[in-house]
Amino acid sequence: MLLKLPTEPVPIQEIPIQKNIKLFIKREDQIHPLISGNKYWKLFHNVNHYLEKSPDNPYIITFGGAFSNHIAAVSAVGSLAGIPTLGIIRGEELQHKWRDNPTLLFAKRNGMNLKFVTREEYRHKEKLTEFLQQEFPEALIVPEGGTNKEAVEGVKMMLNEQTKDFDYLCTAVGTGGTIAGISKFCEENQKVIGFKAVDDASLENKIFELTLKHNFDLIDSCFGGYGKINDGNVRFINDFKERYGIPLEPVYTGKMMEKIFDLIEEGYFPENSKILCFHTGGLQGIEGANLLLEKQNRNLII
């Protein structure tokens, strides 16, 4: 087994707010120094079950964008296990620019091979997957974002005795695997809220297919679009870190927490509610975000 259960519980920190509501954050970002947050749990069964088969020629292949937390995590898994990895990267224009991209540079330093494809090719990942499975029959091919049934089972381990005492469970949503795991395995009396980082109308059906449950709500927290960062997002993230000592990244958890604060002010949550937010990691993305902000002569994330 490469990925192991932590020896200590993942810490839960209270976020003190001046409301008759209790707000907490579960620090999944601290689960592993290189394989961050929910990515650790989404890869947990995928990788361990694969290694249990003892393939003669192990190889891990996956998909992601330029600043993908998933690409970074899979490359780290490959480095730790001594397994070759291949990342199929969206955007062929990045082929000659990857050295300027901190996420792709990190992946390359971990030994990951990168194959850059056009956005049109990337949209047809099912065909790419079939082709790759034929070319590399022993390979583990993990979908974009790591979302599949084994990932959902892994996310179950983000829930424990400590998480049962909350009325609301909140998580950022990208490909839907994390909210699916939380929704599938949470307590019957708990309400799950997913904060969409991407405007994807198919997400609700994808989550239902993985869970067969309707115990979740999806709320838009794109703030103008996936990966788009406005000045308000930067101010919120920096203020949050200064107040509570907790770093947030700007694509997923940062936008989720900003939206939750807005909802609290609007009276969305009933009085005396206990809210647990999952910090899904991805802090490696801050460096890439700051490169883009710097080029635009804008304030940086501290």
C-alpha atoms as a PDB file:
ATOM      1  CA  MET A   1       0.000   0.000   0.000  1.00  0.00           C
ATOM      2  CA  LEU A   2       1.493   3.322  -1.102  1.00  0.00           C
ATOM      3  CA  LEU A   3      -1.140   5.737   0.233  1.00  0.00           C
ATOM      4  CA  LYS A   4      -1.828   5.112   3.911  1.00  0.00           C
ATOM      5  CA  LEU A   5      -4.367   6.212   6.474  1.00  0.00           C
ATOM      6  CA  PRO A   6      -3.096   9.078   8.649  1.00  0.00           C
ATOM      7  CA  THR A   7      -1.926   8.184  12.124  1.00  0.00           C
ATOM      8  CA  GLU A   8      -3.625  11.291  13.572  1.00  0.00           C
ATOM      9  CA  PRO A   9      -7.095  12.697  12.787  1.00  0.00           C
ATOM     10  CA  VAL A  10      -7.160  15.522  10.274  1.00  0.00           C
ATOM     11  CA  PRO A  11      -7.603  18.685  12.374  1.00  0.00           C
ATOM     12  CA  ILE A  12     -10.864  20.627  12.397  1.00  0.00           C
ATOM     13  CA  GLN A  13     -10.501  24.340  13.144  1.00  0.00           C
ATOM     14  CA  GLU A  14     -13.242  26.723  14.203  1.00  0.00           C
ATOM     15  CA  ILE A  15     -13.616  29.943  12.227  1.00  0.00           C
ATOM     16  CA  PRO A  16     -14.931  32.425  14.810  1.00  0.00           C
ATOM     17  CA  ILE A  17     -17.620  34.658  13.334  1.00  0.00           C
ATOM     18  CA  GLN A  18     -19.912  37.251  14.913  1.00  0.00           C
ATOM     19  CA  LYS A  19     -23.084  35.284  14.206  1.00  0.00           C
ATOM     20  CA  ASN A  20     -25.251  32.764  16.010  1.00  0.00           C
ATOM     21  CA  ILE A  21     -23.732  30.095  13.764  1.00  0.00           C
ATOM     22  CA  LYS A  22     -20.743  27.783  14.258  1.00  0.00           C
ATOM     23  CA  LEU A  23     -18.349  27.577  11.311  1.00  0.00           C
ATOM     24  CA  PHE A  24     -15.494  25.062  11.054  1.00  0.00           C
ATOM     25  CA  ILE A  25     -12.982  23.943   8.426  1.00  0.00           C
ATOM     26  CA  LYS A  26     -11.461  20.462   8.119  1.00  0.00           C
ATOM     27  CA  ARG A  27      -7.829  20.790   7.074  1.00  0.00           C
ATOM     28  CA  GLU A  28      -7.528  18.100   4.413  1.00  0.00           C
ATOM     29  CA  ASP A  29      -4.813  20.305   2.912  1.00  0.00           C
ATOM     30  CA  GLN A  30      -2.536  18.971   5.668  1.00  0.00           C
ATOM     31  CA  ILE A  31      -3.034  15.276   4.805  1.00  0.00           C
ATOM     32  CA  HIS A  32       0.227  15.002   2.800  1.00  0.00           C
ATOM     33  CA  PRO A  33       2.982  17.450   1.836  1.00  0.00           C
ATOM     34  CA  LEU A  34       2.807  16.620  -1.892  1.00  0.00           C
ATOM     35  CA  ILE A  35      -0.519  14.862  -2.517  1.00  0.00           C
ATOM     36  CA  SER A  36      -2.928  17.501  -1.384  1.00  0.00           C
ATOM     37  CA  GLY A  37      -6.384  17.381   0.169  1.00  0.00           C
ATOM     38  CA  ASN A  38      -9.160  15.543  -1.630  1.00  0.00           C
ATOM     39  CA  LYS A  39      -6.702  14.357  -4.301  1.00  0.00           C
ATOM     40  CA  TYR A  40      -5.115  12.081  -1.716  1.00  0.00           C
ATOM     41  CA  TRP A  41      -8.430  10.376  -1.013  1.00  0.00           C
ATOM     42  CA  LYS A  42      -9.557  10.265  -4.630  1.00  0.00           C
ATOM     43  CA  LEU A  43      -6.333   8.483  -5.547  1.00  0.00           C
ATOM     44  CA  PHE A  44      -6.255   6.310  -2.419  1.00  0.00           C
ATOM     45  CA  HIS A  45      -8.150   3.256  -3.738  1.00  0.00           C
ATOM     46  CA  ASN A  46      -7.321   3.887  -7.399  1.00  0.00           C
ATOM     47  CA  VAL A  47      -3.578   3.630  -6.749  1.00  0.00           C
ATOM     48  CA  ASN A  48      -3.556   1.067  -3.942  1.00  0.00           C
ATOM     49  CA  HIS A  49      -5.866  -1.387  -5.739  1.00  0.00           C
ATOM     50  CA  TYR A  50      -3.776  -1.001  -8.884  1.00  0.00           C
ATOM     51  CA  LEU A  51      -0.521  -1.737  -7.052  1.00  0.00           C
ATOM     52  CA  GLU A  52      -2.081  -4.750  -5.318  1.00  0.00           C
ATOM     53  CA  LYS A  53      -2.332  -6.359  -8.780  1.00  0.00           C
ATOM     54  CA  SER A  54       1.471  -6.093  -9.124  1.00  0.00           C
ATOM     55  CA  PRO A  55       1.485  -5.159 -12.828  1.00  0.00           C
ATOM     56  CA  ASP A  56       4.643  -6.124 -14.692  1.00  0.00           C
ATOM     57  CA  ASN A  57       4.913  -2.695 -16.325  1.00  0.00           C
ATOM     58  CA  PRO A  58       3.139  -0.224 -14.031  1.00  0.00           C
ATOM     59  CA  TYR A  59       2.198   3.065 -15.616  1.00  0.00           C
ATOM     60  CA  ILE A  60      -0.231   5.780 -14.510  1.00  0.00           C
ATOM     61  CA  ILE A  61      -1.901   8.039 -17.060  1.00  0.00           C
ATOM     62  CA  THR A  62      -4.240  10.924 -16.387  1.00  0.00           C
ATOM     63  CA  PHE A  63      -5.622  14.198 -17.746  1.00  0.00           C
ATOM     64  CA  GLY A  64      -5.579  17.826 -16.658  1.00  0.00           C
ATOM     65  CA  GLY A  65      -5.189  21.506 -17.443  1.00  0.00           C
ATOM     66  CA  ALA A  66      -2.242  23.816 -17.081  1.00  0.00           C
ATOM     67  CA  PHE A  67      -2.532  24.361 -13.319  1.00  0.00           C
ATOM     68  CA  SER A  68      -4.239  21.091 -12.395  1.00  0.00           C
ATOM     69  CA  ASN A  69      -3.974  19.985  -8.750  1.00  0.00           C
ATOM     70  CA  HIS A  70      -4.715  16.474  -9.989  1.00  0.00           C
ATOM     71  CA  ILE A  71      -1.751  16.464 -12.393  1.00  0.00           C
ATOM     72  CA  ALA A  72       0.513  17.626  -9.562  1.00  0.00           C
ATOM     73  CA  ALA A  73      -0.821  14.922  -7.220  1.00  0.00           C
ATOM     74  CA  VAL A  74      -0.498  12.059  -9.721  1.00  0.00           C
ATOM     75  CA  SER A  75       3.041  13.096 -10.592  1.00  0.00           C
ATOM     76  CA  ALA A  76       3.910  13.016  -6.874  1.00  0.00           C
ATOM     77  CA  VAL A  77       2.385   9.539  -6.541  1.00  0.00           C
ATOM     78  CA  GLY A  78       4.517   8.350  -9.433  1.00  0.00           C
ATOM     79  CA  SER A  79       7.642   9.833  -7.918  1.00  0.00           C
ATOM     80  CA  LEU A  80       6.994   8.274  -4.498  1.00  0.00           C
ATOM     81  CA  ALA A  81       6.189   4.857  -5.960  1.00  0.00           C
ATOM     82  CA  GLY A  82       8.842   4.870  -8.656  1.00  0.00           C
ATOM     83  CA  ILE A  83       6.144   4.444 -11.319  1.00  0.00           C
ATOM     84  CA  PRO A  84       6.298   6.232 -14.697  1.00  0.00           C
ATOM     85  CA  THR A  85       3.442   8.678 -15.221  1.00  0.00           C
ATOM     86  CA  LEU A  86       1.956  10.439 -18.232  1.00  0.00           C
ATOM     87  CA  GLY A  87      -0.137  13.594 -18.112  1.00  0.00           C
ATOM     88  CA  ILE A  88      -2.371  14.460 -21.047  1.00  0.00           C
ATOM     89  CA  ILE A  89      -2.444  18.262 -20.885  1.00  0.00           C
ATOM     90  CA  ARG A  90      -5.180  20.452 -22.366  1.00  0.00           C
ATOM     91  CA  GLY A  91      -3.726  23.075 -24.726  1.00  0.00           C
ATOM     92  CA  GLU A  92      -1.016  22.294 -27.271  1.00  0.00           C
ATOM     93  CA  GLU A  93       0.202  25.906 -27.013  1.00  0.00           C
ATOM     94  CA  LEU A  94       1.720  24.962 -23.636  1.00  0.00           C
ATOM     95  CA  GLN A  95       4.158  22.548 -25.263  1.00  0.00           C
ATOM     96  CA  HIS A  96       6.944  25.119 -25.436  1.00  0.00           C
ATOM     97  CA  LYS A  97       5.924  27.060 -22.313  1.00  0.00           C
ATOM     98  CA  TRP A  98       5.731  24.377 -19.629  1.00  0.00           C
ATOM     99  CA  ARG A  99       8.965  25.549 -17.971  1.00  0.00           C
ATOM    100  CA  ASP A 100       7.179  28.804 -17.124  1.00  0.00           C
ATOM    101  CA  ASN A 101       4.295  26.951 -15.496  1.00  0.00           C
ATOM    102  CA  PRO A 102       4.972  25.976 -11.839  1.00  0.00           C
ATOM    103  CA  THR A 103       2.473  23.075 -11.854  1.00  0.00           C
ATOM    104  CA  LEU A 104       3.818  21.492 -15.041  1.00  0.00           C
ATOM    105  CA  LEU A 105       7.404  22.116 -13.935  1.00  0.00           C
ATOM    106  CA  PHE A 106       6.639  20.353 -10.631  1.00  0.00           C
ATOM    107  CA  ALA A 107       5.130  17.424 -12.563  1.00  0.00           C
ATOM    108  CA  LYS A 108       8.162  17.160 -14.848  1.00  0.00           C
ATOM    109  CA  ARG A 109      10.520  17.235 -11.864  1.00  0.00           C
ATOM    110  CA  ASN A 110       8.537  14.327 -10.443  1.00  0.00           C
ATOM    111  CA  GLY A 111       9.289  12.412 -13.631  1.00  0.00           C
ATOM    112  CA  MET A 112       5.920  12.833 -15.351  1.00  0.00           C
ATOM    113  CA  ASN A 113       5.922  12.813 -19.142  1.00  0.00           C
ATOM    114  CA  LEU A 114       3.636  15.455 -20.613  1.00  0.00           C
ATOM    115  CA  LYS A 115       1.657  15.105 -23.812  1.00  0.00           C
ATOM    116  CA  PHE A 116      -0.016  18.297 -24.998  1.00  0.00           C
ATOM    117  CA  VAL A 117      -3.208  17.993 -27.027  1.00  0.00           C
ATOM    118  CA  THR A 118      -5.559  20.492 -28.604  1.00  0.00           C
ATOM    119  CA  ARG A 119      -8.680  21.523 -26.732  1.00  0.00           C
ATOM    120  CA  GLU A 120     -10.740  19.735 -29.382  1.00  0.00           C
ATOM    121  CA  GLU A 121      -8.843  16.477 -28.811  1.00  0.00           C
ATOM    122  CA  TYR A 122      -9.154  16.945 -25.065  1.00  0.00           C
ATOM    123  CA  ARG A 123     -12.944  17.233 -25.291  1.00  0.00           C
ATOM    124  CA  HIS A 124     -12.960  13.657 -26.591  1.00  0.00           C
ATOM    125  CA  LYS A 125     -11.160  12.113 -23.614  1.00  0.00           C
ATOM    126  CA  GLU A 126     -13.193   8.902 -23.905  1.00  0.00           C
ATOM    127  CA  LYS A 127     -11.622   8.182 -27.305  1.00  0.00           C
ATOM    128  CA  LEU A 128      -8.196   9.159 -26.002  1.00  0.00           C
ATOM    129  CA  THR A 129      -8.666   6.822 -23.051  1.00  0.00           C
ATOM    130  CA  GLU A 130      -9.596   3.886 -25.321  1.00  0.00           C
ATOM    131  CA  PHE A 131      -6.544   4.524 -27.498  1.00  0.00           C
ATOM    132  CA  LEU A 132      -4.214   4.800 -24.492  1.00  0.00           C
ATOM    133  CA  GLN A 133      -5.605   1.635 -22.889  1.00  0.00           C
ATOM    134  CA  GLN A 134      -4.881  -0.271 -26.091  1.00  0.00           C
ATOM    135  CA  GLU A 135      -1.363   1.159 -26.304  1.00  0.00           C
ATOM    136  CA  PHE A 136      -0.664   0.608 -22.591  1.00  0.00           C
ATOM    137  CA  PRO A 137      -2.842  -2.361 -21.542  1.00  0.00           C
ATOM    138  CA  GLU A 138      -1.345  -2.569 -18.031  1.00  0.00           C
ATOM    139  CA  ALA A 139      -1.651   1.140 -17.294  1.00  0.00           C
ATOM    140  CA  LEU A 140      -3.897   2.685 -14.678  1.00  0.00           C
ATOM    141  CA  ILE A 141      -5.805   5.442 -16.462  1.00  0.00           C
ATOM    142  CA  VAL A 142      -7.322   7.899 -13.999  1.00  0.00           C
ATOM    143  CA  PRO A 143      -9.943  10.322 -15.360  1.00  0.00           C
ATOM    144  CA  GLU A 144      -9.642  14.100 -15.166  1.00  0.00           C
ATOM    145  CA  GLY A 145      -9.856  15.272 -11.578  1.00  0.00           C
ATOM    146  CA  GLY A 146      -9.611  11.657 -10.410  1.00  0.00           C
ATOM    147  CA  THR A 147     -13.388  11.230 -10.318  1.00  0.00           C
ATOM    148  CA  ASN A 148     -14.655   7.654 -10.589  1.00  0.00           C
ATOM    149  CA  LYS A 149     -16.317   5.103  -8.294  1.00  0.00           C
ATOM    150  CA  GLU A 150     -13.082   4.266  -6.490  1.00  0.00           C
ATOM    151  CA  ALA A 151     -12.508   7.962  -5.852  1.00  0.00           C
ATOM    152  CA  VAL A 152     -15.963   8.251  -4.288  1.00  0.00           C
ATOM    153  CA  GLU A 153     -15.127   5.343  -1.965  1.00  0.00           C
ATOM    154  CA  GLY A 154     -11.877   7.060  -1.014  1.00  0.00           C
ATOM    155  CA  VAL A 155     -13.609  10.336  -0.152  1.00  0.00           C
ATOM    156  CA  LYS A 156     -15.612   8.350   2.420  1.00  0.00           C
ATOM    157  CA  MET A 157     -12.494   8.594   4.620  1.00  0.00           C
ATOM    158  CA  MET A 158     -12.900  12.357   4.827  1.00  0.00           C
ATOM    159  CA  LEU A 159     -15.866  11.569   7.094  1.00  0.00           C
ATOM    160  CA  ASN A 160     -15.478  10.211  10.622  1.00  0.00           C
ATOM    161  CA  GLU A 161     -16.970  10.427  14.097  1.00  0.00           C
ATOM    162  CA  GLN A 162     -15.983  14.087  14.332  1.00  0.00           C
ATOM    163  CA  THR A 163     -17.874  15.060  11.177  1.00  0.00           C
ATOM    164  CA  LYS A 164     -21.163  13.518  12.321  1.00  0.00           C
ATOM    165  CA  ASP A 165     -21.922  16.446  14.623  1.00  0.00           C
ATOM    166  CA  PHE A 166     -22.495  18.999  11.846  1.00  0.00           C
ATOM    167  CA  ASP A 167     -25.715  20.129  10.158  1.00  0.00           C
ATOM    168  CA  TYR A 168     -24.082  21.213   6.885  1.00  0.00           C
ATOM    169  CA  LEU A 169     -21.127  19.738   5.016  1.00  0.00           C
ATOM    170  CA  CYS A 170     -19.617  22.055   2.403  1.00  0.00           C
ATOM    171  CA  THR A 171     -17.131  21.362  -0.347  1.00  0.00           C
ATOM    172  CA  ALA A 172     -15.922  22.965  -3.546  1.00  0.00           C
ATOM    173  CA  VAL A 173     -16.984  21.135  -6.714  1.00  0.00           C
ATOM    174  CA  GLY A 174     -14.944  20.597  -9.866  1.00  0.00           C
ATOM    175  CA  THR A 175     -15.570  17.207 -11.461  1.00  0.00           C
ATOM    176  CA  GLY A 176     -17.988  16.114  -8.713  1.00  0.00           C
ATOM    177  CA  GLY A 177     -16.117  13.230  -7.074  1.00  0.00           C
ATOM    178  CA  THR A 178     -15.619  14.817  -3.667  1.00  0.00           C
ATOM    179  CA  ILE A 179     -19.200  15.958  -3.167  1.00  0.00           C
ATOM    180  CA  ALA A 180     -20.362  12.546  -4.408  1.00  0.00           C
ATOM    181  CA  GLY A 181     -18.349  10.782  -1.704  1.00  0.00           C
ATOM    182  CA  ILE A 182     -19.529  13.148   1.010  1.00  0.00           C
ATOM    183  CA  SER A 183     -23.158  12.883  -0.111  1.00  0.00           C
ATOM    184  CA  LYS A 184     -23.063   9.120  -0.367  1.00  0.00           C
ATOM    185  CA  PHE A 185     -21.572   8.467   3.063  1.00  0.00           C
ATOM    186  CA  CYS A 186     -22.762  11.351   5.257  1.00  0.00           C
ATOM    187  CA  GLU A 187     -25.404  11.002   7.968  1.00  0.00           C
ATOM    188  CA  GLU A 188     -29.066  10.988   6.953  1.00  0.00           C
ATOM    189  CA  ASN A 189     -29.753  14.229   8.826  1.00  0.00           C
ATOM    190  CA  GLN A 190     -26.880  16.158   7.215  1.00  0.00           C
ATOM    191  CA  LYS A 191     -27.261  18.523   4.285  1.00  0.00           C
ATOM    192  CA  VAL A 192     -24.447  18.662   1.727  1.00  0.00           C
ATOM    193  CA  ILE A 193     -23.712  21.844  -0.200  1.00  0.00           C
ATOM    194  CA  GLY A 194     -21.408  21.908  -3.194  1.00  0.00           C
ATOM    195  CA  PHE A 195     -19.869  25.171  -4.369  1.00  0.00           C
ATOM    196  CA  LYS A 196     -19.351  24.973  -8.118  1.00  0.00           C
ATOM    197  CA  ALA A 197     -16.019  26.277  -9.339  1.00  0.00           C
ATOM    198  CA  VAL A 198     -17.086  25.615 -12.925  1.00  0.00           C
ATOM    199  CA  ASP A 199     -20.320  26.330 -14.772  1.00  0.00           C
ATOM    200  CA  ASP A 200     -21.236  22.758 -15.723  1.00  0.00           C
ATOM    201  CA  ALA A 201     -24.941  22.033 -16.138  1.00  0.00           C
ATOM    202  CA  SER A 202     -24.289  18.275 -16.149  1.00  0.00           C
ATOM    203  CA  LEU A 203     -22.789  18.163 -12.644  1.00  0.00           C
ATOM    204  CA  GLU A 204     -26.010  17.353 -10.801  1.00  0.00           C
ATOM    205  CA  ASN A 205     -26.626  14.281 -12.960  1.00  0.00           C
ATOM    206  CA  LYS A 206     -22.988  13.175 -12.670  1.00  0.00           C
ATOM    207  CA  ILE A 207     -23.159  13.362  -8.875  1.00  0.00           C
ATOM    208  CA  PHE A 208     -26.468  11.512  -8.752  1.00  0.00           C
ATOM    209  CA  GLU A 209     -25.067   8.729 -10.968  1.00  0.00           C
ATOM    210  CA  LEU A 210     -22.226   8.253  -8.471  1.00  0.00           C
ATOM    211  CA  THR A 211     -24.422   8.379  -5.357  1.00  0.00           C
ATOM    212  CA  LEU A 212     -28.081   7.679  -6.274  1.00  0.00           C
ATOM    213  CA  LYS A 213     -28.864  10.400  -3.728  1.00  0.00           C
ATOM    214  CA  HIS A 214     -30.424  13.858  -3.863  1.00  0.00           C
ATOM    215  CA  ASN A 215     -29.224  15.068  -0.463  1.00  0.00           C
ATOM    216  CA  PHE A 216     -27.091  17.878  -1.878  1.00  0.00           C
ATOM    217  CA  ASP A 217     -27.490  21.384  -3.270  1.00  0.00           C
ATOM    218  CA  LEU A 218     -25.181  23.027  -5.788  1.00  0.00           C
ATOM    219  CA  ILE A 219     -24.404  26.732  -5.496  1.00  0.00           C
ATOM    220  CA  ASP A 220     -22.506  28.770  -8.068  1.00  0.00           C
ATOM    221  CA  SER A 221     -19.226  30.121  -6.724  1.00  0.00           C
ATOM    222  CA  CYS A 222     -17.481  30.705 -10.066  1.00  0.00           C
ATOM    223  CA  PHE A 223     -17.174  34.482  -9.531  1.00  0.00           C
ATOM    224  CA  GLY A 224     -17.024  35.106 -13.273  1.00  0.00           C
ATOM    225  CA  GLY A 225     -15.745  31.758 -14.518  1.00  0.00           C
ATOM    226  CA  TYR A 226     -13.539  28.768 -13.823  1.00  0.00           C
ATOM    227  CA  GLY A 227     -10.039  29.873 -12.891  1.00  0.00           C
ATOM    228  CA  LYS A 228     -10.975  33.557 -13.144  1.00  0.00           C
ATOM    229  CA  ILE A 229      -9.719  35.552 -10.152  1.00  0.00           C
ATOM    230  CA  ASN A 230     -11.066  39.003  -9.379  1.00  0.00           C
ATOM    231  CA  ASP A 231      -9.636  41.538  -6.963  1.00  0.00           C
ATOM    232  CA  GLY A 232     -12.326  40.721  -4.395  1.00  0.00           C
ATOM    233  CA  ASN A 233     -11.245  37.062  -4.384  1.00  0.00           C
ATOM    234  CA  VAL A 234      -7.638  38.069  -3.691  1.00  0.00           C
ATOM    235  CA  ARG A 235      -8.659  40.445  -0.890  1.00  0.00           C
ATOM    236  CA  PHE A 236     -10.837  37.770   0.731  1.00  0.00           C
ATOM    237  CA  ILE A 237      -8.119  35.097   0.597  1.00  0.00           C
ATOM    238  CA  ASN A 238      -5.471  37.420   2.014  1.00  0.00           C
ATOM    239  CA  ASP A 239      -7.779  38.692   4.752  1.00  0.00           C
ATOM    240  CA  PHE A 240      -8.823  35.126   5.624  1.00  0.00           C
ATOM    241  CA  LYS A 241      -5.198  34.052   6.030  1.00  0.00           C
ATOM    242  CA  GLU A 242      -4.387  37.114   8.131  1.00  0.00           C
ATOM    243  CA  ARG A 243      -7.409  36.624  10.410  1.00  0.00           C
ATOM    244  CA  TYR A 244      -7.422  32.847  10.826  1.00  0.00           C
ATOM    245  CA  GLY A 245      -3.937  31.698   9.776  1.00  0.00           C
ATOM    246  CA  ILE A 246      -5.345  29.418   7.063  1.00  0.00           C
ATOM    247  CA  PRO A 247      -4.132  29.699   3.440  1.00  0.00           C
ATOM    248  CA  LEU A 248      -6.694  29.264   0.660  1.00  0.00           C
ATOM    249  CA  GLU A 249      -6.181  28.805  -3.067  1.00  0.00           C
ATOM    250  CA  PRO A 250      -8.178  30.971  -5.502  1.00  0.00           C
ATOM    251  CA  VAL A 251      -9.955  28.424  -7.714  1.00  0.00           C
ATOM    252  CA  TYR A 252     -11.809  26.117  -5.306  1.00  0.00           C
ATOM    253  CA  THR A 253     -11.618  26.530  -1.530  1.00  0.00           C
ATOM    254  CA  GLY A 254     -11.025  30.283  -1.602  1.00  0.00           C
ATOM    255  CA  LYS A 255     -14.138  30.939  -3.653  1.00  0.00           C
ATOM    256  CA  MET A 256     -16.157  28.470  -1.578  1.00  0.00           C
ATOM    257  CA  MET A 257     -15.283  30.199   1.684  1.00  0.00           C
ATOM    258  CA  GLU A 258     -16.013  33.624   0.217  1.00  0.00           C
ATOM    259  CA  LYS A 259     -19.433  32.443  -0.930  1.00  0.00           C
ATOM    260  CA  ILE A 260     -20.162  30.838   2.459  1.00  0.00           C
ATOM    261  CA  PHE A 261     -19.430  34.143   4.208  1.00  0.00           C
ATOM    262  CA  ASP A 262     -21.826  35.846   1.775  1.00  0.00           C
ATOM    263  CA  LEU A 263     -24.533  33.259   2.483  1.00  0.00           C
ATOM    264  CA  ILE A 264     -24.098  33.653   6.234  1.00  0.00           C
ATOM    265  CA  GLU A 265     -24.589  37.417   5.882  1.00  0.00           C
ATOM    266  CA  GLU A 266     -27.690  36.821   3.750  1.00  0.00           C
ATOM    267  CA  GLY A 267     -29.231  34.538   6.397  1.00  0.00           C
ATOM    268  CA  TYR A 268     -29.070  31.401   4.256  1.00  0.00           C
ATOM    269  CA  PHE A 269     -28.189  29.170   7.219  1.00  0.00           C
ATOM    270  CA  PRO A 270     -30.650  28.889  10.131  1.00  0.00           C
ATOM    271  CA  GLU A 271     -29.532  30.149  13.536  1.00  0.00           C
ATOM    272  CA  ASN A 272     -27.520  27.668  15.639  1.00  0.00           C
ATOM    273  CA  SER A 273     -26.391  25.788  12.528  1.00  0.00           C
ATOM    274  CA  LYS A 274     -23.065  23.949  12.665  1.00  0.00           C
ATOM    275  CA  ILE A 275     -21.259  24.162   9.327  1.00  0.00           C
ATOM    276  CA  LEU A 276     -18.219  22.109   8.343  1.00  0.00           C
ATOM    277  CA  CYS A 277     -16.221  23.140   5.267  1.00  0.00           C
ATOM    278  CA  PHE A 278     -13.644  20.807   3.737  1.00  0.00           C
ATOM    279  CA  HIS A 279     -10.325  22.415   2.796  1.00  0.00           C
ATOM    280  CA  THR A 280      -9.528  20.376  -0.302  1.00  0.00           C
ATOM    281  CA  GLY A 281      -5.938  21.560  -0.620  1.00  0.00           C
ATOM    282  CA  GLY A 282      -4.574  22.654  -3.982  1.00  0.00           C
ATOM    283  CA  LEU A 283      -2.310  25.282  -2.463  1.00  0.00           C
ATOM    284  CA  GLN A 284       0.259  24.555  -5.167  1.00  0.00           C
ATOM    285  CA  GLY A 285      -2.029  26.564  -7.469  1.00  0.00           C
ATOM    286  CA  ILE A 286      -1.263  29.830  -5.662  1.00  0.00           C
ATOM    287  CA  GLU A 287       2.125  30.199  -7.375  1.00  0.00           C
ATOM    288  CA  GLY A 288       0.587  29.885 -10.830  1.00  0.00           C
ATOM    289  CA  ALA A 289      -2.230  32.267  -9.944  1.00  0.00           C
ATOM    290  CA  ASN A 290       0.282  34.850  -8.739  1.00  0.00           C
ATOM    291  CA  LEU A 291       2.214  34.619 -12.009  1.00  0.00           C
ATOM    292  CA  LEU A 292      -0.947  35.544 -13.890  1.00  0.00           C
ATOM    293  CA  LEU A 293      -1.837  38.309 -11.425  1.00  0.00           C
ATOM    294  CA  GLU A 294       1.676  39.729 -11.617  1.00  0.00           C
ATOM    295  CA  LYS A 295       1.485  39.952 -15.416  1.00  0.00           C
ATOM    296  CA  GLN A 296      -1.718  41.949 -14.978  1.00  0.00           C
ATOM    297  CA  ASN A 297      -0.091  44.275 -12.424  1.00  0.00           C
ATOM    298  CA  ARG A 298      -2.593  43.227  -9.781  1.00  0.00           C
ATOM    299  CA  ASN A 299      -2.318  42.434  -6.079  1.00  0.00           C
ATOM    300  CA  LEU A 300      -0.912  38.986  -5.280  1.00  0.00           C
ATOM    301  CA  ILE A 301      -2.099  36.227  -2.961  1.00  0.00           C
ATOM    302  CA  ILE A 302       0.078  36.209   0.142  1.00  0.00           C
END
